[in-house]
Amino acid sequence: MTSTSHPRDLRTELESLTTEAFRPELADIDRLPTLDIARLMNGEDATVAGAVAERLPGIAAAIDAVAERMARGGRLVYAGAGTAGRLGILDASECPPTFNTDPSRVVGLIAGGPDAVVTSVEGAEDSRDLARADLEPLALTPDDTVVGISASGRTPYAIGAVEHARARGCLTIGLACNPGSPLAAAADHGIEIVVGPELLTGSTRLKSGTAQKLVLNMLSTITMIRLGKTYGNLMVDVRASNDKLRARSHRIVALATGAGDKEIEEALTATDGEVKNAILTILADVDGPTAARLLEESDGHLRAALAASG
């Protein structure tokens, strides 16, 4: 159903939202020296991490639920409008180069489609039906997770995405920046990071956007850690596909094993540039095919493969 709220009703609703609140003490901000405005803005931003900290138990519970499903082959899907949608797409697009994930495993959807990443698509966020239409081609299963993202917590597109996903048995997460939001209420895991009124009234690309970025970083990164995409704090699932990544791959193998350059190059050659496999050949003193088998039997977890090799 497309939203048909009366403009006056919508104004009343917006006035009640923390993210939309007006701050009279900043009414003369445009008359301040640039450095003073920068200090004000920096002070505002410094409060965001504290707001996230208050919701860490809920964030951790959501991550564990996501990782459990992704370990069974499920996908992580972000859905939002405007800044929220762009942040989801950003997080999704950075997973393949960081964790060597298939691009279909973490997906970002934005109201209005790809054009909305760089331009505003008027009215797209007001449609729950549009969210359902965008999700339909994914043929969601109960192993998938859909994360609705909306600073206000009332965006019909994000709520529609969560409702559609729940109807198909998916895990759902609602990420918002207002307390008591319809989005959080619609989801299995409601995460509300209350950052308070913005420096510029209603400009939720500021503190709200920063809060959403921090939470999305946690969702994807910690999920990938749980899935064995790292070894310690090393990105061992990168693949050496260009000069920069080849140099990084060499360095990661060196940090993980302490081996010399020649041994590292031989290991990377023997494993077709797969960092995780190369580390295993060195630390477990096995050949490339054995490393591949051990990792497959350990669902890609390097620590478990190392334990099994002993």
C-alpha atoms as a PDB file:
ATOM      1  CA  MET A   1       0.000   0.000   0.000  1.00  0.00           C
ATOM      2  CA  THR A   2       1.367   3.390  -0.952  1.00  0.00           C
ATOM      3  CA  SER A   3       1.306   5.923   1.887  1.00  0.00           C
ATOM      4  CA  THR A   4      -1.618   8.347   1.668  1.00  0.00           C
ATOM      5  CA  SER A   5      -0.998  10.364   4.841  1.00  0.00           C
ATOM      6  CA  HIS A   6      -2.502  13.836   4.875  1.00  0.00           C
ATOM      7  CA  PRO A   7       0.296  16.464   4.770  1.00  0.00           C
ATOM      8  CA  ARG A   8      -0.853  17.898   8.123  1.00  0.00           C
ATOM      9  CA  ASP A   9      -0.820  14.419   9.722  1.00  0.00           C
ATOM     10  CA  LEU A  10       2.663  13.814   8.373  1.00  0.00           C
ATOM     11  CA  ARG A  11       3.868  17.176   9.721  1.00  0.00           C
ATOM     12  CA  THR A  12       2.522  16.264  13.170  1.00  0.00           C
ATOM     13  CA  GLU A  13       4.223  12.865  12.964  1.00  0.00           C
ATOM     14  CA  LEU A  14       7.568  14.382  11.957  1.00  0.00           C
ATOM     15  CA  GLU A  15       7.387  16.936  14.773  1.00  0.00           C
ATOM     16  CA  SER A  16       7.153  14.065  17.268  1.00  0.00           C
ATOM     17  CA  LEU A  17      10.357  12.387  16.015  1.00  0.00           C
ATOM     18  CA  THR A  18      13.609  12.935  17.895  1.00  0.00           C
ATOM     19  CA  THR A  19      15.553  12.971  14.618  1.00  0.00           C
ATOM     20  CA  GLU A  20      13.396  15.851  13.351  1.00  0.00           C
ATOM     21  CA  ALA A  21      13.482  18.008  16.497  1.00  0.00           C
ATOM     22  CA  PHE A  22      14.399  21.697  16.173  1.00  0.00           C
ATOM     23  CA  ARG A  23      17.196  23.012  18.375  1.00  0.00           C
ATOM     24  CA  PRO A  24      16.688  26.721  19.132  1.00  0.00           C
ATOM     25  CA  GLU A  25      20.209  27.019  20.592  1.00  0.00           C
ATOM     26  CA  LEU A  26      21.611  26.422  17.087  1.00  0.00           C
ATOM     27  CA  ALA A  27      19.351  28.949  15.343  1.00  0.00           C
ATOM     28  CA  ASP A  28      22.310  31.302  14.725  1.00  0.00           C
ATOM     29  CA  ILE A  29      24.783  28.613  13.634  1.00  0.00           C
ATOM     30  CA  ASP A  30      25.131  30.234  10.193  1.00  0.00           C
ATOM     31  CA  ARG A  31      26.569  33.362  11.848  1.00  0.00           C
ATOM     32  CA  LEU A  32      29.392  31.486  13.599  1.00  0.00           C
ATOM     33  CA  PRO A  33      33.005  31.256  12.368  1.00  0.00           C
ATOM     34  CA  THR A  34      33.688  28.123  10.333  1.00  0.00           C
ATOM     35  CA  LEU A  35      35.953  26.620  13.006  1.00  0.00           C
ATOM     36  CA  ASP A  36      33.225  27.014  15.644  1.00  0.00           C
ATOM     37  CA  ILE A  37      30.705  25.222  13.395  1.00  0.00           C
ATOM     38  CA  ALA A  38      33.242  22.452  12.795  1.00  0.00           C
ATOM     39  CA  ARG A  39      33.773  22.119  16.575  1.00  0.00           C
ATOM     40  CA  LEU A  40      30.022  21.927  17.145  1.00  0.00           C
ATOM     41  CA  MET A  41      29.653  19.286  14.456  1.00  0.00           C
ATOM     42  CA  ASN A  42      32.576  17.266  15.770  1.00  0.00           C
ATOM     43  CA  GLY A  43      31.111  17.392  19.280  1.00  0.00           C
ATOM     44  CA  GLU A  44      27.812  16.087  17.932  1.00  0.00           C
ATOM     45  CA  ASP A  45      29.545  13.241  16.086  1.00  0.00           C
ATOM     46  CA  ALA A  46      31.448  12.266  19.244  1.00  0.00           C
ATOM     47  CA  THR A  47      28.149  11.279  20.888  1.00  0.00           C
ATOM     48  CA  VAL A  48      27.210   8.705  18.245  1.00  0.00           C
ATOM     49  CA  ALA A  49      29.471   5.871  19.430  1.00  0.00           C
ATOM     50  CA  GLY A  50      27.970   6.176  22.916  1.00  0.00           C
ATOM     51  CA  ALA A  51      24.452   5.839  21.492  1.00  0.00           C
ATOM     52  CA  VAL A  52      25.535   2.694  19.644  1.00  0.00           C
ATOM     53  CA  ALA A  53      27.173   1.336  22.835  1.00  0.00           C
ATOM     54  CA  GLU A  54      23.801   1.396  24.613  1.00  0.00           C
ATOM     55  CA  ARG A  55      22.405  -1.067  22.042  1.00  0.00           C
ATOM     56  CA  LEU A  56      25.335  -3.515  21.788  1.00  0.00           C
ATOM     57  CA  PRO A  57      23.581  -6.526  23.403  1.00  0.00           C
ATOM     58  CA  GLY A  58      20.747  -6.234  20.876  1.00  0.00           C
ATOM     59  CA  ILE A  59      23.189  -5.771  17.998  1.00  0.00           C
ATOM     60  CA  ALA A  60      25.169  -8.846  19.096  1.00  0.00           C
ATOM     61  CA  ALA A  61      22.007 -10.967  19.328  1.00  0.00           C
ATOM     62  CA  ALA A  62      21.020  -9.917  15.804  1.00  0.00           C
ATOM     63  CA  ILE A  63      24.504 -10.729  14.460  1.00  0.00           C
ATOM     64  CA  ASP A  64      24.460 -14.229  15.975  1.00  0.00           C
ATOM     65  CA  ALA A  65      21.078 -14.868  14.350  1.00  0.00           C
ATOM     66  CA  VAL A  66      22.354 -13.603  10.974  1.00  0.00           C
ATOM     67  CA  ALA A  67      25.547 -15.690  11.134  1.00  0.00           C
ATOM     68  CA  GLU A  68      23.609 -18.839  11.994  1.00  0.00           C
ATOM     69  CA  ARG A  69      21.510 -18.423   8.850  1.00  0.00           C
ATOM     70  CA  MET A  70      24.365 -17.368   6.579  1.00  0.00           C
ATOM     71  CA  ALA A  71      26.317 -20.456   7.674  1.00  0.00           C
ATOM     72  CA  ARG A  72      23.463 -22.459   6.133  1.00  0.00           C
ATOM     73  CA  GLY A  73      23.809 -20.545   2.846  1.00  0.00           C
ATOM     74  CA  GLY A  74      21.453 -17.662   3.598  1.00  0.00           C
ATOM     75  CA  ARG A  75      21.832 -14.110   2.336  1.00  0.00           C
ATOM     76  CA  LEU A  76      21.978 -10.714   4.033  1.00  0.00           C
ATOM     77  CA  VAL A  77      19.756  -8.131   2.343  1.00  0.00           C
ATOM     78  CA  TYR A  78      19.644  -4.422   3.207  1.00  0.00           C
ATOM     79  CA  ALA A  79      16.650  -2.280   2.221  1.00  0.00           C
ATOM     80  CA  GLY A  80      16.263   1.452   2.694  1.00  0.00           C
ATOM     81  CA  ALA A  81      15.512   4.778   1.039  1.00  0.00           C
ATOM     82  CA  GLY A  82      17.808   7.760   0.511  1.00  0.00           C
ATOM     83  CA  THR A  83      20.856   7.875   2.793  1.00  0.00           C
ATOM     84  CA  ALA A  84      19.785   4.678   4.568  1.00  0.00           C
ATOM     85  CA  GLY A  85      19.553   2.813   1.270  1.00  0.00           C
ATOM     86  CA  ARG A  86      22.910   4.158   0.087  1.00  0.00           C
ATOM     87  CA  LEU A  87      24.590   3.037   3.317  1.00  0.00           C
ATOM     88  CA  GLY A  88      23.199  -0.475   2.833  1.00  0.00           C
ATOM     89  CA  ILE A  89      24.479  -0.599  -0.741  1.00  0.00           C
ATOM     90  CA  LEU A  90      27.884   0.675   0.407  1.00  0.00           C
ATOM     91  CA  ASP A  91      28.165  -2.046   3.058  1.00  0.00           C
ATOM     92  CA  ALA A  92      27.025  -4.766   0.652  1.00  0.00           C
ATOM     93  CA  SER A  93      29.397  -3.662  -2.108  1.00  0.00           C
ATOM     94  CA  GLU A  94      32.409  -3.781   0.217  1.00  0.00           C
ATOM     95  CA  CYS A  95      31.896  -7.412   1.305  1.00  0.00           C
ATOM     96  CA  PRO A  96      33.206  -9.147  -1.872  1.00  0.00           C
ATOM     97  CA  PRO A  97      36.611  -7.367  -1.915  1.00  0.00           C
ATOM     98  CA  THR A  98      37.020  -7.621   1.866  1.00  0.00           C
ATOM     99  CA  PHE A  99      35.787 -11.157   2.498  1.00  0.00           C
ATOM    100  CA  ASN A 100      35.787 -12.764  -0.976  1.00  0.00           C
ATOM    101  CA  THR A 101      32.036 -13.306  -0.693  1.00  0.00           C
ATOM    102  CA  ASP A 102      29.886 -13.910  -3.745  1.00  0.00           C
ATOM    103  CA  PRO A 103      28.140 -10.599  -4.621  1.00  0.00           C
ATOM    104  CA  SER A 104      24.774 -12.359  -4.257  1.00  0.00           C
ATOM    105  CA  ARG A 105      25.393 -13.146  -0.554  1.00  0.00           C
ATOM    106  CA  VAL A 106      25.135  -9.552   0.746  1.00  0.00           C
ATOM    107  CA  VAL A 107      22.732  -7.372  -1.233  1.00  0.00           C
ATOM    108  CA  GLY A 108      21.697  -3.728  -0.954  1.00  0.00           C
ATOM    109  CA  LEU A 109      18.309  -2.479  -2.207  1.00  0.00           C
ATOM    110  CA  ILE A 110      17.359   1.191  -2.420  1.00  0.00           C
ATOM    111  CA  ALA A 111      13.909   2.674  -3.014  1.00  0.00           C
ATOM    112  CA  GLY A 112      13.814   3.856  -6.619  1.00  0.00           C
ATOM    113  CA  GLY A 113      16.477   1.413  -7.837  1.00  0.00           C
ATOM    114  CA  PRO A 114      20.131   1.996  -8.822  1.00  0.00           C
ATOM    115  CA  ASP A 115      19.448   5.548 -10.072  1.00  0.00           C
ATOM    116  CA  ALA A 116      18.508   6.516  -6.513  1.00  0.00           C
ATOM    117  CA  VAL A 117      22.097   5.910  -5.370  1.00  0.00           C
ATOM    118  CA  VAL A 118      23.173   9.184  -7.007  1.00  0.00           C
ATOM    119  CA  THR A 119      19.912  11.079  -7.470  1.00  0.00           C
ATOM    120  CA  SER A 120      16.733  11.543  -5.455  1.00  0.00           C
ATOM    121  CA  VAL A 121      13.817   9.444  -6.737  1.00  0.00           C
ATOM    122  CA  GLU A 122      10.731  11.272  -5.524  1.00  0.00           C
ATOM    123  CA  GLY A 123       8.039   9.236  -3.797  1.00  0.00           C
ATOM    124  CA  ALA A 124       9.877   5.896  -3.954  1.00  0.00           C
ATOM    125  CA  GLU A 125      10.293   5.694  -0.173  1.00  0.00           C
ATOM    126  CA  ASP A 126       6.538   6.047   0.365  1.00  0.00           C
ATOM    127  CA  SER A 127       5.682   2.662  -1.173  1.00  0.00           C
ATOM    128  CA  ARG A 128       5.577  -0.627   0.714  1.00  0.00           C
ATOM    129  CA  ASP A 129       4.568  -2.315  -2.546  1.00  0.00           C
ATOM    130  CA  LEU A 130       7.795  -1.142  -4.190  1.00  0.00           C
ATOM    131  CA  ALA A 131       9.811  -2.896  -1.476  1.00  0.00           C
ATOM    132  CA  ARG A 132       7.913  -6.126  -2.061  1.00  0.00           C
ATOM    133  CA  ALA A 133       8.460  -5.825  -5.829  1.00  0.00           C
ATOM    134  CA  ASP A 134      12.212  -5.270  -5.296  1.00  0.00           C
ATOM    135  CA  LEU A 135      12.464  -8.317  -3.006  1.00  0.00           C
ATOM    136  CA  GLU A 136      10.369 -10.696  -5.141  1.00  0.00           C
ATOM    137  CA  PRO A 137      13.168 -11.513  -7.645  1.00  0.00           C
ATOM    138  CA  LEU A 138      15.398 -12.657  -4.757  1.00  0.00           C
ATOM    139  CA  ALA A 139      13.018 -15.553  -3.961  1.00  0.00           C
ATOM    140  CA  LEU A 140      13.654 -15.206  -0.231  1.00  0.00           C
ATOM    141  CA  THR A 141      13.999 -18.294   1.993  1.00  0.00           C
ATOM    142  CA  PRO A 142      13.918 -18.718   5.808  1.00  0.00           C
ATOM    143  CA  ASP A 143      17.756 -18.741   5.808  1.00  0.00           C
ATOM    144  CA  ASP A 144      17.847 -15.159   4.503  1.00  0.00           C
ATOM    145  CA  THR A 145      17.971 -11.993   6.605  1.00  0.00           C
ATOM    146  CA  VAL A 146      16.389  -8.693   5.569  1.00  0.00           C
ATOM    147  CA  VAL A 147      17.502  -5.500   7.319  1.00  0.00           C
ATOM    148  CA  GLY A 148      15.183  -2.521   6.976  1.00  0.00           C
ATOM    149  CA  ILE A 149      17.110   0.744   7.479  1.00  0.00           C
ATOM    150  CA  SER A 150      15.407   4.063   8.225  1.00  0.00           C
ATOM    151  CA  ALA A 151      16.512   6.954  10.416  1.00  0.00           C
ATOM    152  CA  SER A 152      12.927   7.968  11.170  1.00  0.00           C
ATOM    153  CA  GLY A 153      11.877   4.343  11.617  1.00  0.00           C
ATOM    154  CA  ARG A 154       8.657   5.082   9.731  1.00  0.00           C
ATOM    155  CA  THR A 155       9.737   4.866   6.058  1.00  0.00           C
ATOM    156  CA  PRO A 156       7.117   2.711   4.259  1.00  0.00           C
ATOM    157  CA  TYR A 157       9.734   1.163   1.913  1.00  0.00           C
ATOM    158  CA  ALA A 158      11.846  -0.160   4.818  1.00  0.00           C
ATOM    159  CA  ILE A 159       8.788  -1.346   6.782  1.00  0.00           C
ATOM    160  CA  GLY A 160       7.354  -3.005   3.661  1.00  0.00           C
ATOM    161  CA  ALA A 161      10.639  -4.868   3.091  1.00  0.00           C
ATOM    162  CA  VAL A 162      10.609  -6.219   6.654  1.00  0.00           C
ATOM    163  CA  GLU A 163       6.929  -7.216   6.479  1.00  0.00           C
ATOM    164  CA  HIS A 164       7.426  -9.028   3.155  1.00  0.00           C
ATOM    165  CA  ALA A 165      10.481 -10.853   4.531  1.00  0.00           C
ATOM    166  CA  ARG A 166       8.738 -11.928   7.743  1.00  0.00           C
ATOM    167  CA  ALA A 167       5.848 -13.324   5.727  1.00  0.00           C
ATOM    168  CA  ARG A 168       8.380 -15.570   3.998  1.00  0.00           C
ATOM    169  CA  GLY A 169       9.932 -16.766   7.246  1.00  0.00           C
ATOM    170  CA  CYS A 170      13.121 -14.715   6.957  1.00  0.00           C
ATOM    171  CA  LEU A 171      14.992 -13.248   9.894  1.00  0.00           C
ATOM    172  CA  THR A 172      14.271  -9.504  10.025  1.00  0.00           C
ATOM    173  CA  ILE A 173      16.122  -6.574  11.566  1.00  0.00           C
ATOM    174  CA  GLY A 174      14.813  -3.020  11.834  1.00  0.00           C
ATOM    175  CA  LEU A 175      17.532  -0.354  12.184  1.00  0.00           C
ATOM    176  CA  ALA A 176      16.195   3.072  13.179  1.00  0.00           C
ATOM    177  CA  CYS A 177      17.248   6.198  15.054  1.00  0.00           C
ATOM    178  CA  ASN A 178      14.027   6.979  16.924  1.00  0.00           C
ATOM    179  CA  PRO A 179      12.606   5.189  19.980  1.00  0.00           C
ATOM    180  CA  GLY A 180       9.359   3.243  19.624  1.00  0.00           C
ATOM    181  CA  SER A 181       9.595   3.120  15.835  1.00  0.00           C
ATOM    182  CA  PRO A 182       7.168   1.155  13.619  1.00  0.00           C
ATOM    183  CA  LEU A 183      10.185  -0.342  11.792  1.00  0.00           C
ATOM    184  CA  ALA A 184      11.723  -1.830  14.937  1.00  0.00           C
ATOM    185  CA  ALA A 185       8.298  -3.092  16.016  1.00  0.00           C
ATOM    186  CA  ALA A 186       7.809  -4.835  12.658  1.00  0.00           C
ATOM    187  CA  ALA A 187      11.122  -6.744  12.878  1.00  0.00           C
ATOM    188  CA  ASP A 188      12.349  -9.743  14.871  1.00  0.00           C
ATOM    189  CA  HIS A 189      15.296  -7.653  16.048  1.00  0.00           C
ATOM    190  CA  GLY A 190      14.613  -3.936  16.509  1.00  0.00           C
ATOM    191  CA  ILE A 191      17.786  -1.860  16.831  1.00  0.00           C
ATOM    192  CA  GLU A 192      17.104   1.777  17.711  1.00  0.00           C
ATOM    193  CA  ILE A 193      20.171   4.004  17.978  1.00  0.00           C
ATOM    194  CA  VAL A 194      18.822   7.218  19.479  1.00  0.00           C
ATOM    195  CA  VAL A 195      21.292   9.939  18.520  1.00  0.00           C
ATOM    196  CA  GLY A 196      19.009  12.890  19.239  1.00  0.00           C
ATOM    197  CA  PRO A 197      18.203  15.959  17.122  1.00  0.00           C
ATOM    198  CA  GLU A 198      20.535  16.770  14.234  1.00  0.00           C
ATOM    199  CA  LEU A 199      22.765  19.838  13.887  1.00  0.00           C
ATOM    200  CA  LEU A 200      20.691  20.802  10.845  1.00  0.00           C
ATOM    201  CA  THR A 201      17.043  20.127  11.647  1.00  0.00           C
ATOM    202  CA  GLY A 202      15.982  16.808  10.107  1.00  0.00           C
ATOM    203  CA  SER A 203      19.244  16.208   8.218  1.00  0.00           C
ATOM    204  CA  THR A 204      19.505  12.531   9.072  1.00  0.00           C
ATOM    205  CA  ARG A 205      22.544  11.963   6.858  1.00  0.00           C
ATOM    206  CA  LEU A 206      24.512  13.432   9.787  1.00  0.00           C
ATOM    207  CA  LYS A 207      24.460  11.672  13.211  1.00  0.00           C
ATOM    208  CA  SER A 208      21.773   9.197  12.169  1.00  0.00           C
ATOM    209  CA  GLY A 209      23.720   8.248   9.046  1.00  0.00           C
ATOM    210  CA  THR A 210      26.915   7.852  11.067  1.00  0.00           C
ATOM    211  CA  ALA A 211      25.101   5.614  13.563  1.00  0.00           C
ATOM    212  CA  GLN A 212      23.673   3.464  10.771  1.00  0.00           C
ATOM    213  CA  LYS A 213      27.126   3.126   9.179  1.00  0.00           C
ATOM    214  CA  LEU A 214      28.621   1.975  12.495  1.00  0.00           C
ATOM    215  CA  VAL A 215      25.910  -0.645  13.021  1.00  0.00           C
ATOM    216  CA  LEU A 216      26.089  -1.938   9.435  1.00  0.00           C
ATOM    217  CA  ASN A 217      29.886  -2.215   9.781  1.00  0.00           C
ATOM    218  CA  MET A 218      29.287  -4.401  12.845  1.00  0.00           C
ATOM    219  CA  LEU A 219      26.578  -6.516  11.215  1.00  0.00           C
ATOM    220  CA  SER A 220      28.655  -7.480   8.187  1.00  0.00           C
ATOM    221  CA  THR A 221      32.126  -7.567   9.763  1.00  0.00           C
ATOM    222  CA  ILE A 222      31.281  -9.583  12.873  1.00  0.00           C
ATOM    223  CA  THR A 223      29.053 -11.930  10.864  1.00  0.00           C
ATOM    224  CA  MET A 224      32.020 -12.596   8.557  1.00  0.00           C
ATOM    225  CA  ILE A 225      34.288 -13.169  11.579  1.00  0.00           C
ATOM    226  CA  ARG A 226      31.742 -15.714  12.866  1.00  0.00           C
ATOM    227  CA  LEU A 227      31.709 -17.377   9.419  1.00  0.00           C
ATOM    228  CA  GLY A 228      35.491 -17.895   9.504  1.00  0.00           C
ATOM    229  CA  LYS A 229      36.332 -15.194   6.960  1.00  0.00           C
ATOM    230  CA  THR A 230      39.145 -13.942   9.200  1.00  0.00           C
ATOM    231  CA  TYR A 231      42.029 -15.451  11.177  1.00  0.00           C
ATOM    232  CA  GLY A 232      42.579 -13.307  14.231  1.00  0.00           C
ATOM    233  CA  ASN A 233      42.250  -9.790  12.837  1.00  0.00           C
ATOM    234  CA  LEU A 234      43.583 -10.715   9.405  1.00  0.00           C
ATOM    235  CA  MET A 235      41.426 -10.740   6.250  1.00  0.00           C
ATOM    236  CA  VAL A 236      42.436 -14.231   5.147  1.00  0.00           C
ATOM    237  CA  ASP A 237      39.657 -14.644   2.589  1.00  0.00           C
ATOM    238  CA  VAL A 238      41.034 -12.033   0.204  1.00  0.00           C
ATOM    239  CA  ARG A 239      42.174 -13.387  -3.139  1.00  0.00           C
ATOM    240  CA  ALA A 240      45.224 -11.977  -4.944  1.00  0.00           C
ATOM    241  CA  SER A 241      43.551 -10.628  -8.097  1.00  0.00           C
ATOM    242  CA  ASN A 242      45.568  -7.437  -8.685  1.00  0.00           C
ATOM    243  CA  ASP A 243      48.950  -5.981  -7.703  1.00  0.00           C
ATOM    244  CA  LYS A 244      47.694  -4.305  -4.530  1.00  0.00           C
ATOM    245  CA  LEU A 245      45.875  -7.447  -3.398  1.00  0.00           C
ATOM    246  CA  ARG A 246      48.894  -9.608  -4.254  1.00  0.00           C
ATOM    247  CA  ALA A 247      51.068  -7.434  -2.029  1.00  0.00           C
ATOM    248  CA  ARG A 248      48.416  -7.474   0.724  1.00  0.00           C
ATOM    249  CA  SER A 249      48.021 -11.246   0.406  1.00  0.00           C
ATOM    250  CA  HIS A 250      51.782 -11.727   0.808  1.00  0.00           C
ATOM    251  CA  ARG A 251      51.771  -9.517   3.898  1.00  0.00           C
ATOM    252  CA  ILE A 252      48.804 -11.338   5.468  1.00  0.00           C
ATOM    253  CA  VAL A 253      50.495 -14.726   4.985  1.00  0.00           C
ATOM    254  CA  ALA A 254      53.688 -13.273   6.489  1.00  0.00           C
ATOM    255  CA  LEU A 255      51.831 -11.905   9.532  1.00  0.00           C
ATOM    256  CA  ALA A 256      49.973 -15.178  10.072  1.00  0.00           C
ATOM    257  CA  THR A 257      52.960 -17.506   9.616  1.00  0.00           C
ATOM    258  CA  GLY A 258      56.216 -15.575  10.082  1.00  0.00           C
ATOM    259  CA  ALA A 259      57.504 -17.363   6.966  1.00  0.00           C
ATOM    260  CA  GLY A 260      60.105 -15.936   4.577  1.00  0.00           C
ATOM    261  CA  ASP A 261      59.334 -14.390   1.190  1.00  0.00           C
ATOM    262  CA  LYS A 262      60.318 -17.456  -0.850  1.00  0.00           C
ATOM    263  CA  GLU A 263      58.177 -19.858   1.190  1.00  0.00           C
ATOM    264  CA  ILE A 264      55.214 -17.455   1.040  1.00  0.00           C
ATOM    265  CA  GLU A 265      55.449 -17.078  -2.756  1.00  0.00           C
ATOM    266  CA  GLU A 266      55.651 -20.871  -3.165  1.00  0.00           C
ATOM    267  CA  ALA A 267      52.615 -21.337  -0.903  1.00  0.00           C
ATOM    268  CA  LEU A 268      50.544 -18.723  -2.766  1.00  0.00           C
ATOM    269  CA  THR A 269      51.508 -20.292  -6.099  1.00  0.00           C
ATOM    270  CA  ALA A 270      50.575 -23.762  -4.845  1.00  0.00           C
ATOM    271  CA  THR A 271      47.152 -22.534  -3.691  1.00  0.00           C
ATOM    272  CA  ASP A 272      46.295 -20.320  -6.692  1.00  0.00           C
ATOM    273  CA  GLY A 273      46.575 -17.168  -4.596  1.00  0.00           C
ATOM    274  CA  GLU A 274      44.127 -18.277  -1.899  1.00  0.00           C
ATOM    275  CA  VAL A 275      45.519 -16.705   1.276  1.00  0.00           C
ATOM    276  CA  LYS A 276      43.725 -18.981   3.741  1.00  0.00           C
ATOM    277  CA  ASN A 277      44.959 -22.095   1.928  1.00  0.00           C
ATOM    278  CA  ALA A 278      48.500 -20.719   1.695  1.00  0.00           C
ATOM    279  CA  ILE A 279      48.620 -20.093   5.456  1.00  0.00           C
ATOM    280  CA  LEU A 280      47.419 -23.628   6.099  1.00  0.00           C
ATOM    281  CA  THR A 281      50.066 -25.203   3.820  1.00  0.00           C
ATOM    282  CA  ILE A 282      52.777 -23.391   5.798  1.00  0.00           C
ATOM    283  CA  LEU A 283      51.458 -23.786   9.363  1.00  0.00           C
ATOM    284  CA  ALA A 284      50.245 -27.389   8.938  1.00  0.00           C
ATOM    285  CA  ASP A 285      53.034 -28.380   6.506  1.00  0.00           C
ATOM    286  CA  VAL A 286      50.563 -29.844   3.988  1.00  0.00           C
ATOM    287  CA  ASP A 287      50.260 -29.531   0.209  1.00  0.00           C
ATOM    288  CA  GLY A 288      47.717 -27.374  -1.635  1.00  0.00           C
ATOM    289  CA  PRO A 289      45.069 -30.062  -2.262  1.00  0.00           C
ATOM    290  CA  THR A 290      45.238 -31.221   1.371  1.00  0.00           C
ATOM    291  CA  ALA A 291      44.810 -27.631   2.584  1.00  0.00           C
ATOM    292  CA  ALA A 292      41.765 -27.231   0.327  1.00  0.00           C
ATOM    293  CA  ARG A 293      40.242 -30.466   1.664  1.00  0.00           C
ATOM    294  CA  LEU A 294      40.873 -29.554   5.320  1.00  0.00           C
ATOM    295  CA  LEU A 295      39.267 -26.138   4.816  1.00  0.00           C
ATOM    296  CA  GLU A 296      36.266 -27.621   3.036  1.00  0.00           C
ATOM    297  CA  GLU A 297      35.760 -30.089   5.887  1.00  0.00           C
ATOM    298  CA  SER A 298      36.022 -27.195   8.372  1.00  0.00           C
ATOM    299  CA  ASP A 299      33.472 -25.021   6.512  1.00  0.00           C
ATOM    300  CA  GLY A 300      36.242 -22.551   5.689  1.00  0.00           C
ATOM    301  CA  HIS A 301      37.308 -21.936   9.303  1.00  0.00           C
ATOM    302  CA  LEU A 302      41.115 -21.748   9.320  1.00  0.00           C
ATOM    303  CA  ARG A 303      41.485 -22.360  13.073  1.00  0.00           C
ATOM    304  CA  ALA A 304      39.358 -25.500  12.836  1.00  0.00           C
ATOM    305  CA  ALA A 305      41.329 -26.714   9.799  1.00  0.00           C
ATOM    306  CA  LEU A 306      44.581 -26.176  11.664  1.00  0.00           C
ATOM    307  CA  ALA A 307      43.273 -28.168  14.628  1.00  0.00           C
ATOM    308  CA  ALA A 308      42.142 -30.973  12.308  1.00  0.00           C
ATOM    309  CA  SER A 309      45.541 -31.106  10.571  1.00  0.00           C
ATOM    310  CA  GLY A 310      47.298 -31.921  13.837  1.00  0.00           C
END
